[in-house]
């Protein structure tokens, strides 16, 4: 058993030594392929287009920038105020949206290509554009900061495109938050109007019920010949005067009852007599007239100007050459081992 194990290890050691010997014998081949790999990498570097990079940094808006959205929005009004994060999240979602990217690709990128370039498959063109446009977090500048980077051959064009892209995301986000705020205000106004209508109907029914009660009390007062309320002295008079409602309403006298009935029947509006109605009307007027000017709403802040780049993006020459050297060396090793295996099979 021990002899078998020793034999296996000896064979493995012999195989490794054979491989090392083959690679050493084929070092010229490996060096040639490595050199060719470096040449290919150098050719790639020199054939690579000169690219420029335009970048813009964005931050959350200020509280003042979203103040108009929160007009009338308090916890008492059952509408939670918008926070800076709420508005900024809408902007970031639109900034990273695939729909905006594809729309920009169709409206700006495709028309900028030459006729020969547009003959390439649309998917490959979109993939190239998508790789050149990067939205990423910028935690170094701010935990909530983001950056938009665009690479291209024309510095002025990509600088203008960055501005247009940010502006498109801003316009879409602003419309969305204003629409949400307006919709919530509209729903709140409709609910308040329903409450106002219900209170007015209740007030009208209460007035009609009161007229009927007073008419019955008037009949009683007329039947007993009570035209004016009785004059009572002492504590009993105070108690009776304080309780001239309900069953004792007739004690007000027919003259007072008749005047009150006529007044109630001639009343044009019950609004001043309905408790809580005026407060609801004020709230309804506030939400019903809710309107936000888009120019008064900020969904982000731009951190610094969008400058036209004057220096091309540096190509990672060392890394590319190292990759070429590595791939060439690996290919040389494969060729050397393949050659050796072929020779062994011939024997």
Protein backbone atom coordinates (compact mmCIF):
# COMPACT_ATOMS: atom_id res chain seq x y z
CA UNK A 1 0.00 0.00 0.00
CA UNK A 2 2.78 2.40 0.97
CA UNK A 3 4.68 1.51 -2.20
CA UNK A 4 1.59 2.36 -4.34
CA UNK A 5 1.23 5.79 -2.73
CA UNK A 6 4.91 6.53 -3.24
CA UNK A 7 4.60 5.51 -6.85
CA UNK A 8 1.64 7.87 -7.42
CA UNK A 9 3.51 10.82 -5.87
CA UNK A 10 6.57 10.03 -7.96
CA UNK A 11 4.49 10.02 -11.14
CA UNK A 12 2.83 13.35 -10.24
CA UNK A 13 6.20 14.92 -9.50
CA UNK A 14 7.53 13.62 -12.80
CA UNK A 15 4.52 15.09 -14.66
CA UNK A 16 5.02 18.52 -13.07
CA UNK A 17 8.70 18.47 -13.95
CA UNK A 18 7.82 17.49 -17.52
CA UNK A 19 5.44 20.47 -17.80
CA UNK A 20 8.07 22.84 -16.39
CA UNK A 21 10.66 21.47 -18.80
CA UNK A 22 8.27 21.83 -21.75
CA UNK A 23 7.47 25.44 -20.81
CA UNK A 24 11.16 26.26 -20.45
CA UNK A 25 11.93 24.66 -23.77
CA UNK A 26 9.11 26.69 -25.37
CA UNK A 27 10.03 29.97 -23.69
CA UNK A 28 10.63 31.61 -27.05
CA UNK A 29 7.09 30.77 -28.15
CA UNK A 30 5.66 32.11 -24.89
CA UNK A 31 7.72 35.30 -25.16
CA UNK A 32 6.63 35.79 -28.76
CA UNK A 33 2.95 35.43 -27.87
CA UNK A 34 3.39 37.73 -24.86
CA UNK A 35 5.01 40.31 -27.14
CA UNK A 36 2.17 39.96 -29.62
CA UNK A 37 -0.31 40.46 -26.78
CA UNK A 38 1.44 43.69 -25.77
CA UNK A 39 1.43 44.84 -29.41
CA UNK A 40 -2.30 44.10 -29.69
CA UNK A 41 -2.96 46.06 -26.48
CA UNK A 42 -0.87 48.97 -27.77
CA UNK A 43 -2.80 48.90 -31.04
CA UNK A 44 -6.05 49.02 -29.09
CA UNK A 45 -4.80 52.03 -27.11
CA UNK A 46 -3.80 53.97 -30.23
CA UNK A 47 -7.02 53.09 -32.08
CA UNK A 48 -9.23 54.09 -29.15
CA UNK A 49 -11.26 57.26 -29.71
CA UNK A 50 -10.40 60.37 -27.73
CA UNK A 51 -13.21 60.75 -25.21
CA UNK A 52 -14.15 63.64 -22.96
CA UNK A 53 -16.22 63.47 -19.80
CA UNK A 54 -18.85 65.98 -18.62
CA UNK A 55 -20.19 65.68 -15.10
CA UNK A 56 -22.73 67.35 -12.83
CA UNK A 57 -23.34 66.86 -9.11
CA UNK A 58 -26.80 67.12 -7.54
CA UNK A 59 -27.99 67.49 -3.94
CA UNK A 60 -31.42 67.48 -2.23
CA UNK A 61 -33.48 70.69 -2.50
CA UNK A 62 -33.84 73.10 0.41
CA UNK A 63 -36.94 73.36 2.58
CA UNK A 64 -37.72 76.71 0.96
CA UNK A 65 -37.62 75.05 -2.45
CA UNK A 66 -40.60 72.82 -1.58
CA UNK A 67 -42.52 75.31 0.59
CA UNK A 68 -45.21 75.95 -2.05
CA UNK A 69 -46.01 72.23 -2.19
CA UNK A 70 -46.80 72.24 1.53
CA UNK A 71 -49.19 75.21 1.43
CA UNK A 72 -52.08 74.18 3.68
CA UNK A 73 -50.61 70.74 4.31
CA UNK A 74 -50.59 70.19 8.07
CA UNK A 75 -51.34 67.19 10.22
CA UNK A 76 -54.50 68.99 11.36
CA UNK A 77 -55.66 69.10 7.73
CA UNK A 78 -55.00 65.33 7.43
CA UNK A 79 -52.43 65.96 4.67
CA UNK A 80 -48.88 65.06 5.63
CA UNK A 81 -46.40 67.71 4.44
CA UNK A 82 -43.89 66.73 1.78
CA UNK A 83 -40.36 66.28 3.09
CA UNK A 84 -37.17 67.17 1.25
CA UNK A 85 -36.44 63.45 0.93
CA UNK A 86 -39.86 62.76 -0.61
CA UNK A 87 -39.32 65.31 -3.37
CA UNK A 88 -35.66 64.39 -3.94
CA UNK A 89 -36.52 60.69 -4.23
CA UNK A 90 -38.97 61.50 -7.03
CA UNK A 91 -36.22 63.39 -8.87
CA UNK A 92 -33.68 60.57 -8.43
CA UNK A 93 -36.18 58.00 -9.62
CA UNK A 94 -36.77 60.00 -12.79
CA UNK A 95 -33.04 60.66 -13.22
CA UNK A 96 -32.35 56.92 -13.22
CA UNK A 97 -35.48 55.92 -15.15
CA UNK A 98 -35.03 53.74 -18.22
CA UNK A 99 -37.82 55.66 -19.97
CA UNK A 100 -35.88 58.93 -19.75
CA UNK A 101 -32.70 57.25 -20.95
CA UNK A 102 -34.41 55.76 -23.99
CA UNK A 103 -36.22 59.00 -24.79
CA UNK A 104 -32.93 60.91 -24.67
CA UNK A 105 -31.29 58.25 -26.84
CA UNK A 106 -34.01 58.66 -29.47
CA UNK A 107 -34.24 62.46 -29.39
CA UNK A 108 -30.58 63.44 -29.13
CA UNK A 109 -28.09 60.58 -29.47
CA UNK A 110 -29.38 58.91 -32.65
CA UNK A 111 -29.71 62.16 -34.67
CA UNK A 112 -26.10 63.04 -33.76
CA UNK A 113 -24.72 59.90 -35.46
CA UNK A 114 -23.57 59.77 -39.06
CA UNK A 115 -25.46 57.72 -41.65
CA UNK A 116 -22.85 54.95 -41.53
CA UNK A 117 -22.94 54.81 -37.72
CA UNK A 118 -26.74 54.57 -37.70
CA UNK A 119 -26.55 51.39 -39.79
CA UNK A 120 -25.37 49.47 -36.72
CA UNK A 121 -27.98 47.44 -34.78
CA UNK A 122 -30.15 49.65 -32.59
CA UNK A 123 -29.51 47.52 -29.52
CA UNK A 124 -25.75 47.88 -29.84
CA UNK A 125 -26.06 51.65 -30.31
CA UNK A 126 -28.26 51.92 -27.23
CA UNK A 127 -25.85 49.75 -25.24
CA UNK A 128 -22.97 52.03 -26.23
CA UNK A 129 -24.93 55.13 -25.25
CA UNK A 130 -26.10 53.58 -21.98
CA UNK A 131 -22.52 52.71 -21.01
CA UNK A 132 -21.41 56.28 -21.65
CA UNK A 133 -24.16 57.71 -19.40
CA UNK A 134 -23.69 56.87 -15.71
CA UNK A 135 -25.75 57.98 -12.69
CA UNK A 136 -24.07 57.11 -9.41
CA UNK A 137 -24.03 58.08 -5.76
CA UNK A 138 -21.45 60.62 -4.64
CA UNK A 139 -21.04 59.73 -0.97
CA UNK A 140 -17.70 61.57 -0.75
CA UNK A 141 -19.30 64.96 -1.35
CA UNK A 142 -22.56 64.26 0.52
CA UNK A 143 -24.45 61.17 1.74
CA UNK A 144 -27.38 62.23 -0.45
CA UNK A 145 -25.29 63.48 -3.36
CA UNK A 146 -25.45 61.96 -6.84
CA UNK A 147 -23.53 62.57 -10.03
CA UNK A 148 -24.41 62.30 -13.71
CA UNK A 149 -21.48 61.52 -16.01
CA UNK A 150 -21.53 61.45 -19.81
CA UNK A 151 -18.64 60.55 -22.12
CA UNK A 152 -18.33 61.55 -25.76
CA UNK A 153 -16.03 62.86 -28.45
CA UNK A 154 -17.32 66.46 -28.59
CA UNK A 155 -16.81 68.35 -25.28
CA UNK A 156 -19.39 71.05 -26.08
CA UNK A 157 -22.04 68.53 -27.12
CA UNK A 158 -21.74 66.28 -24.07
CA UNK A 159 -21.75 69.31 -21.77
CA UNK A 160 -24.98 70.48 -23.38
CA UNK A 161 -26.45 66.97 -23.19
CA UNK A 162 -25.74 66.72 -19.46
CA UNK A 163 -27.65 69.96 -18.97
CA UNK A 164 -30.56 68.73 -21.12
CA UNK A 165 -30.68 65.37 -19.36
CA UNK A 166 -30.79 66.93 -15.90
CA UNK A 167 -33.41 69.41 -17.07
CA UNK A 168 -35.59 66.62 -18.50
CA UNK A 169 -35.44 64.70 -15.22
CA UNK A 170 -36.20 67.90 -13.31
CA UNK A 171 -39.23 68.80 -15.45
CA UNK A 172 -40.69 65.30 -15.19
CA UNK A 173 -40.14 65.12 -11.42
CA UNK A 174 -41.56 68.61 -10.86
CA UNK A 175 -44.71 67.78 -12.84
CA UNK A 176 -45.11 64.57 -10.85
CA UNK A 177 -44.86 66.13 -7.39
CA UNK A 178 -47.12 69.06 -8.35
CA UNK A 179 -49.66 66.64 -9.81
CA UNK A 180 -49.58 64.55 -6.62
CA UNK A 181 -49.99 67.62 -4.41
CA UNK A 182 -52.81 69.02 -6.58
CA UNK A 183 -54.58 65.67 -6.67
CA UNK A 184 -54.47 65.32 -2.88
CA UNK A 185 -55.71 68.91 -2.46
CA UNK A 186 -58.53 68.19 -4.93
CA UNK A 187 -59.59 65.08 -3.01
CA UNK A 188 -59.43 66.98 0.29
CA UNK A 189 -61.52 69.84 -1.15
CA UNK A 190 -64.12 67.37 -2.41
CA UNK A 191 -64.37 65.74 1.02
CA UNK A 192 -64.74 69.13 2.71
CA UNK A 193 -67.43 70.15 0.22
CA UNK A 194 -69.36 66.98 1.02
CA UNK A 195 -69.14 67.82 4.72
CA UNK A 196 -70.36 71.37 4.01
CA UNK A 197 -73.31 70.07 1.97
CA UNK A 198 -74.19 67.59 4.73
CA UNK A 199 -74.07 70.32 7.41
CA UNK A 200 -76.28 72.62 5.32
CA UNK A 201 -78.83 69.87 4.75
CA UNK A 202 -78.81 69.13 8.47
CA UNK A 203 -79.21 72.85 9.24
CA UNK A 204 -82.15 73.15 6.84
CA UNK A 205 -83.88 70.12 8.35
CA UNK A 206 -83.26 71.47 11.85
CA UNK A 207 -84.85 74.81 10.86
CA UNK A 208 -87.85 73.05 9.31
CA UNK A 209 -88.25 70.92 12.45
CA UNK A 210 -88.02 74.02 14.63
CA UNK A 211 -90.72 75.78 12.58
CA UNK A 212 -93.06 72.81 13.08
CA UNK A 213 -92.35 72.78 16.84
CA UNK A 214 -93.00 76.54 17.08
CA UNK A 215 -96.21 76.24 15.05
CA UNK A 216 -97.54 73.65 17.50
CA UNK A 217 -96.52 75.84 20.44
CA UNK A 218 -98.30 78.79 18.73
CA UNK A 219 -101.51 76.78 18.51
CA UNK A 220 -101.32 76.04 22.23
CA UNK A 221 -100.61 79.68 23.10
CA UNK A 222 -103.53 80.85 20.93
CA UNK A 223 -105.87 78.27 22.42
CA UNK A 224 -105.23 79.51 25.97
CA UNK A 225 -105.14 83.17 24.91
CA UNK A 226 -101.47 83.65 25.89
CA UNK A 227 -100.22 86.53 23.74
CA UNK A 228 -97.22 87.58 25.85
CA UNK A 229 -95.08 85.51 28.19
CA UNK A 230 -96.34 85.59 31.80
CA UNK A 231 -94.52 87.84 34.27
CA UNK A 232 -93.49 85.83 37.30
CA UNK A 233 -91.60 87.09 40.30
CA UNK A 234 -89.07 85.40 42.53
CA UNK A 235 -87.07 82.28 41.93
CA UNK A 236 -89.91 80.50 40.15
CA UNK A 237 -89.97 83.16 37.44
CA UNK A 238 -86.28 82.58 36.71
CA UNK A 239 -86.76 78.83 36.51
CA UNK A 240 -89.72 79.08 34.12
CA UNK A 241 -87.99 81.68 31.92
CA UNK A 242 -84.93 79.46 31.67
CA UNK A 243 -87.05 76.48 30.60
CA UNK A 244 -89.30 78.05 27.94
CA UNK A 245 -88.38 75.36 25.46
CA UNK A 246 -89.68 71.91 24.69
CA UNK A 247 -93.12 71.48 26.22
CA UNK A 248 -93.09 75.02 27.68
CA UNK A 249 -92.32 76.76 24.38
CA UNK A 250 -95.93 78.02 24.18
CA UNK A 251 -95.22 80.17 27.27
CA UNK A 252 -93.25 82.58 25.10
CA UNK A 253 -96.59 83.88 23.93
CA UNK A 254 -98.26 83.85 20.54
CA UNK A 255 -96.78 87.20 19.48
CA UNK A 256 -93.16 86.08 19.99
CA UNK A 257 -93.81 82.64 18.49
CA UNK A 258 -95.47 84.09 15.40
CA UNK A 259 -92.57 86.52 14.87
CA UNK A 260 -89.99 83.75 15.26
CA UNK A 261 -91.84 81.46 12.81
CA UNK A 262 -92.05 84.21 10.20
CA UNK A 263 -88.36 84.99 10.67
CA UNK A 264 -87.36 81.34 10.23
CA UNK A 265 -89.49 80.97 7.12
CA UNK A 266 -88.01 84.10 5.53
CA UNK A 267 -84.41 83.11 6.31
CA UNK A 268 -82.34 82.91 3.10
CA UNK A 269 -79.40 80.96 4.51
CA UNK A 270 -78.75 78.85 7.55
CA UNK A 271 -74.97 79.16 7.26
CA UNK A 272 -74.47 81.65 10.12
CA UNK A 273 -76.38 79.35 12.48
CA UNK A 274 -74.56 76.10 11.69
CA UNK A 275 -71.72 75.38 14.19
CA UNK A 276 -68.36 74.58 12.56
CA UNK A 277 -69.50 75.47 9.03
CA UNK A 278 -67.32 78.55 8.63
CA UNK A 279 -64.17 76.64 9.59
CA UNK A 280 -64.95 74.00 6.96
CA UNK A 281 -65.60 76.70 4.35
CA UNK A 282 -62.21 78.29 5.03
CA UNK A 283 -60.47 74.92 4.60
CA UNK A 284 -62.45 74.19 1.44
CA UNK A 285 -61.52 77.53 -0.07
CA UNK A 286 -57.86 76.87 0.74
CA UNK A 287 -57.69 73.46 -0.94
CA UNK A 288 -60.07 74.28 -3.79
CA UNK A 289 -57.88 77.20 -4.89
CA UNK A 290 -54.63 75.24 -4.45
CA UNK A 291 -52.23 76.00 -7.29
CA UNK A 292 -48.45 75.76 -7.49
CA UNK A 293 -46.30 77.63 -9.97
CA UNK A 294 -43.71 75.15 -11.36
CA UNK A 295 -40.94 77.74 -11.24
CA UNK A 296 -41.40 78.00 -7.46
CA UNK A 297 -40.70 74.30 -6.85
CA UNK A 298 -37.19 72.84 -6.66
CA UNK A 299 -36.68 69.08 -6.80
CA UNK A 300 -32.86 69.18 -6.52
CA UNK A 301 -29.89 71.50 -6.13
CA UNK A 302 -27.01 71.60 -8.56
CA UNK A 303 -23.62 71.51 -6.86
CA UNK A 304 -21.37 73.53 -9.12
CA UNK A 305 -21.61 74.48 -12.80
CA UNK A 306 -21.58 72.13 -15.79
CA UNK A 307 -18.25 72.90 -17.41
CA UNK A 308 -17.08 72.04 -20.90
CA UNK A 309 -14.23 69.51 -20.43
CA UNK A 310 -10.92 70.50 -22.00
CA UNK A 311 -8.89 67.39 -21.10
CA UNK A 312 -9.68 63.96 -22.56
CA UNK A 313 -10.30 60.99 -20.31
CA UNK A 314 -7.07 59.21 -19.50
CA UNK A 315 -6.83 55.70 -20.84
CA UNK A 316 -5.47 53.18 -18.31
CA UNK A 317 -2.44 52.36 -20.44
CA UNK A 318 -0.61 50.30 -17.82
CA UNK A 319 -3.62 48.13 -17.07
CA UNK A 320 -4.38 47.51 -20.76
CA UNK A 321 -0.76 46.57 -21.51
CA UNK A 322 -0.67 44.26 -18.49
CA UNK A 323 -3.85 42.53 -19.66
CA UNK A 324 -2.37 42.16 -23.15
CA UNK A 325 0.84 40.70 -21.71
CA UNK A 326 -1.10 38.28 -19.51
CA UNK A 327 -3.42 37.09 -22.28
CA UNK A 328 -0.50 36.70 -24.70
CA UNK A 329 1.47 34.71 -22.13
CA UNK A 330 -1.49 32.44 -21.38
CA UNK A 331 -2.02 31.85 -25.09
CA UNK A 332 1.70 31.05 -25.49
CA UNK A 333 1.52 28.51 -22.65
CA UNK A 334 -1.53 26.89 -24.24
CA UNK A 335 0.25 26.64 -27.61
CA UNK A 336 3.39 25.20 -25.99
CA UNK A 337 1.47 22.56 -24.04
CA UNK A 338 -0.65 21.72 -27.07
CA UNK A 339 2.46 21.25 -29.15
CA UNK A 340 3.99 18.97 -26.51
CA UNK A 341 0.82 16.87 -26.21
CA UNK A 342 0.71 16.53 -29.98
CA UNK A 343 4.31 15.30 -30.04
CA UNK A 344 3.59 12.84 -27.22
CA UNK A 345 0.60 11.44 -29.09
CA UNK A 346 2.73 10.93 -32.21
CA UNK A 347 5.18 8.84 -30.19
